[in-house]
Amino acid sequence: MNDLKKTSQQFDEIIALCSDIFLKKNKDYGTAWRILRTSSLTDQLFIKANRIRTIQDLESSKIEEGIIPEFIGIVNYSIMALIQLELKDEKRLELKSQEVGDLYKKYALMAKELMMDKNHDYGEAWRDMRVSSLCDLILMKIYRIKQIEDNNGKTIISEGLDANYLDILNYAVFALIKLELETLKN
């Protein structure tokens, strides 16, 4: 199997795991997250990425949950943010399960297509990166998003919020693939 096909398959496996968790939580909680502004979702992404970095720097954590659930949370909060951007003028807080599932699939597919295009051009460079670097890139994208939000969503030359959320999602998937491979080696 060539590297791009392998990456595509690994991406699908990670998204299936993240989607399963997302949809189960949707059954438990509904779409209560719809009350959150995108800036609040950005802050949730920051909390998760910052916790990962702290654990990496300290090489320990006091809460048993490790960094894998945090990267899964980053994938899912990124998709929530993309959904919120799309539905920004929609006042409904509660979405039907089918609609949530369809929107999740839509943005997961959009992220995959972007990842495959970039992966083709960059030659799978992420495979040689450290998980800590992927975390740093996520944090950098979060700071970019915060700046764009502080500018009322306007940019002069840069990508918008959606492109940054998609990149964050893809970096988190890459980290999860690398962590899964590391786990298999041990």
Protein backbone atom coordinates (compact mmCIF):
# COMPACT_ATOMS: atom_id res chain seq x y z
CA MET A 1 0.00 0.00 0.00
CA ASN A 2 1.44 3.39 -0.92
CA ASP A 3 1.83 6.08 1.72
CA LEU A 4 -1.10 8.24 0.56
CA LYS A 5 -3.50 5.26 0.59
CA LYS A 6 -2.17 4.26 4.02
CA THR A 7 -2.70 7.81 5.29
CA SER A 8 -6.21 7.87 3.85
CA GLN A 9 -7.07 4.62 5.61
CA GLN A 10 -5.52 5.75 8.90
CA PHE A 11 -7.39 9.07 8.66
CA ASP A 12 -10.68 7.20 8.18
CA GLU A 13 -9.97 4.96 11.19
CA ILE A 14 -9.22 7.94 13.46
CA ILE A 15 -12.28 9.86 12.25
CA ALA A 16 -14.45 6.77 12.85
CA LEU A 17 -13.19 6.65 16.46
CA CYS A 18 -13.73 10.40 16.99
CA SER A 19 -17.13 10.33 15.31
CA ASP A 20 -18.26 7.41 17.45
CA ILE A 21 -17.41 9.34 20.61
CA PHE A 22 -19.00 12.54 19.25
CA LEU A 23 -22.25 10.83 18.28
CA LYS A 24 -22.51 8.92 21.57
CA LYS A 25 -22.06 12.17 23.49
CA ASN A 26 -24.68 13.71 21.22
CA LYS A 27 -27.11 11.01 22.40
CA ASP A 28 -26.22 11.76 26.03
CA TYR A 29 -26.21 15.57 25.86
CA GLY A 30 -27.93 16.55 22.65
CA THR A 31 -26.49 19.60 20.96
CA ALA A 32 -26.06 21.71 24.09
CA TRP A 33 -22.76 22.87 22.53
CA ARG A 34 -24.81 24.92 20.04
CA ILE A 35 -25.09 27.58 22.78
CA LEU A 36 -21.33 28.19 22.47
CA ARG A 37 -20.01 30.96 20.30
CA THR A 38 -17.13 30.00 18.03
CA SER A 39 -14.83 32.01 20.30
CA SER A 40 -15.84 29.72 23.19
CA LEU A 41 -15.06 26.68 21.06
CA THR A 42 -11.69 28.23 20.24
CA ASP A 43 -11.06 28.53 23.98
CA GLN A 44 -12.03 24.87 24.46
CA LEU A 45 -9.49 23.94 21.77
CA PHE A 46 -6.91 26.06 23.59
CA ILE A 47 -7.60 24.31 26.91
CA LYS A 48 -7.16 20.87 25.32
CA ALA A 49 -4.00 21.77 23.36
CA ASN A 50 -2.50 23.57 26.34
CA ARG A 51 -3.14 20.53 28.57
CA ILE A 52 -1.38 18.31 26.02
CA ARG A 53 1.61 20.64 25.96
CA THR A 54 1.73 20.80 29.76
CA ILE A 55 1.67 17.00 30.00
CA GLN A 56 4.38 16.76 27.36
CA ASP A 57 6.55 19.34 29.14
CA LEU A 58 6.04 17.90 32.64
CA GLU A 59 6.08 14.29 31.39
CA SER A 60 3.28 13.52 33.85
CA SER A 61 -0.33 14.29 34.64
CA LYS A 62 -2.45 14.19 37.80
CA ILE A 63 -5.62 13.25 35.93
CA GLU A 64 -5.50 9.72 34.54
CA GLU A 65 -6.85 10.72 31.14
CA GLY A 66 -3.83 11.07 28.86
CA ILE A 67 -3.27 13.06 25.71
CA ILE A 68 -5.09 10.76 23.29
CA PRO A 69 -8.56 11.78 24.58
CA GLU A 70 -7.46 15.43 24.37
CA PHE A 71 -6.49 15.06 20.69
CA ILE A 72 -9.85 13.33 20.07
CA GLY A 73 -11.49 16.32 21.77
CA ILE A 74 -9.56 18.67 19.48
CA VAL A 75 -10.89 16.83 16.42
CA ASN A 76 -14.45 17.01 17.73
CA TYR A 77 -14.32 20.63 18.93
CA SER A 78 -12.90 21.62 15.55
CA ILE A 79 -15.87 20.02 13.83
CA MET A 80 -18.25 21.72 16.29
CA ALA A 81 -16.64 25.06 15.42
CA LEU A 82 -17.01 24.41 11.69
CA ILE A 83 -20.66 23.50 12.19
CA GLN A 84 -21.19 26.67 14.26
CA LEU A 85 -19.64 28.77 11.49
CA GLU A 86 -22.05 27.24 8.99
CA LEU A 87 -25.08 27.61 11.27
CA LYS A 88 -24.15 31.00 12.72
CA ASP A 89 -27.50 32.54 11.77
CA GLU A 90 -29.45 29.44 12.77
CA LYS A 91 -31.17 29.96 16.11
CA ARG A 92 -32.08 26.30 16.81
CA LEU A 93 -30.07 24.90 19.70
CA GLU A 94 -31.21 21.32 19.26
CA LEU A 95 -30.33 19.55 16.04
CA LYS A 96 -31.63 16.14 15.05
CA SER A 97 -29.14 13.28 15.34
CA GLN A 98 -29.20 12.64 11.59
CA GLU A 99 -28.41 16.29 10.85
CA VAL A 100 -25.54 16.28 13.36
CA GLY A 101 -24.17 13.08 11.83
CA ASP A 102 -24.42 14.49 8.32
CA LEU A 103 -22.69 17.73 9.31
CA TYR A 104 -19.94 15.78 11.09
CA LYS A 105 -19.36 13.66 7.97
CA LYS A 106 -19.37 16.77 5.76
CA TYR A 107 -16.58 18.47 7.71
CA ALA A 108 -14.59 15.27 8.26
CA LEU A 109 -14.64 14.72 4.49
CA MET A 110 -13.70 18.35 3.84
CA ALA A 111 -10.75 17.99 6.22
CA LYS A 112 -9.70 14.73 4.59
CA GLU A 113 -9.77 16.22 1.10
CA LEU A 114 -7.67 19.17 2.28
CA MET A 115 -5.28 16.82 4.08
CA MET A 116 -4.86 14.61 1.02
CA ASP A 117 -4.15 17.62 -1.22
CA LYS A 118 -1.63 19.08 1.21
CA ASN A 119 -0.15 15.67 1.92
CA HIS A 120 0.44 15.17 -1.79
CA ASP A 121 2.27 18.50 -2.04
CA TYR A 122 4.24 18.15 1.21
CA GLY A 123 5.17 14.50 0.69
CA GLU A 124 3.91 13.11 4.00
CA ALA A 125 6.29 15.37 5.96
CA TRP A 126 4.08 15.02 9.06
CA ARG A 127 5.26 11.42 9.45
CA ASP A 128 8.72 12.74 10.38
CA MET A 129 7.36 15.29 12.84
CA ARG A 130 7.11 14.90 16.59
CA VAL A 131 3.72 14.84 18.32
CA SER A 132 4.95 17.82 20.36
CA SER A 133 5.45 19.81 17.14
CA LEU A 134 1.94 18.95 15.99
CA CYS A 135 0.66 20.23 19.34
CA ASP A 136 2.65 23.45 18.88
CA LEU A 137 1.18 23.91 15.39
CA ILE A 138 -2.31 23.47 16.83
CA LEU A 139 -1.59 26.11 19.47
CA MET A 140 -0.24 28.48 16.81
CA LYS A 141 -3.41 28.02 14.73
CA ILE A 142 -5.52 28.68 17.84
CA TYR A 143 -3.67 31.96 18.44
CA ARG A 144 -4.26 32.88 14.79
CA ILE A 145 -7.96 32.14 15.19
CA LYS A 146 -8.11 34.27 18.34
CA GLN A 147 -6.54 37.17 16.43
CA ILE A 148 -9.01 36.76 13.56
CA GLU A 149 -11.87 36.65 16.08
CA ASP A 150 -10.51 39.81 17.71
CA ASN A 151 -10.60 41.36 14.22
CA ASN A 152 -14.30 40.48 13.91
CA GLY A 153 -13.50 37.61 11.55
CA LYS A 154 -11.82 39.82 8.98
CA THR A 155 -8.46 39.09 7.39
CA ILE A 156 -6.47 41.09 4.86
CA ILE A 157 -4.51 38.33 3.17
CA SER A 158 -4.70 35.30 5.45
CA GLU A 159 -6.96 32.26 5.47
CA GLY A 160 -10.16 32.53 7.45
CA LEU A 161 -11.43 30.76 10.53
CA ASP A 162 -12.64 27.68 8.69
CA ALA A 163 -9.24 26.96 7.11
CA ASN A 164 -7.56 27.20 10.50
CA TYR A 165 -10.11 24.88 12.16
CA LEU A 166 -9.59 22.36 9.33
CA ASP A 167 -5.81 22.51 9.80
CA ILE A 168 -6.19 21.99 13.56
CA LEU A 169 -8.43 18.98 12.92
CA ASN A 170 -5.86 17.48 10.54
CA TYR A 171 -2.92 18.09 12.87
CA ALA A 172 -4.85 16.34 15.65
CA VAL A 173 -5.57 13.37 13.36
CA PHE A 174 -1.87 13.17 12.47
CA ALA A 175 -0.99 13.19 16.17
CA LEU A 176 -3.50 10.43 16.87
CA ILE A 177 -2.10 8.32 14.02
CA LYS A 178 1.42 8.78 15.37
CA LEU A 179 0.33 8.00 18.94
CA GLU A 180 -1.53 4.91 17.78
CA LEU A 181 1.57 3.71 15.90
CA GLU A 182 3.76 4.39 18.95
CA THR A 183 1.34 2.40 21.12
CA LEU A 184 1.49 -0.53 18.70
CA LYS A 185 5.30 -0.51 18.79
CA ASN A 186 5.39 -0.76 22.61
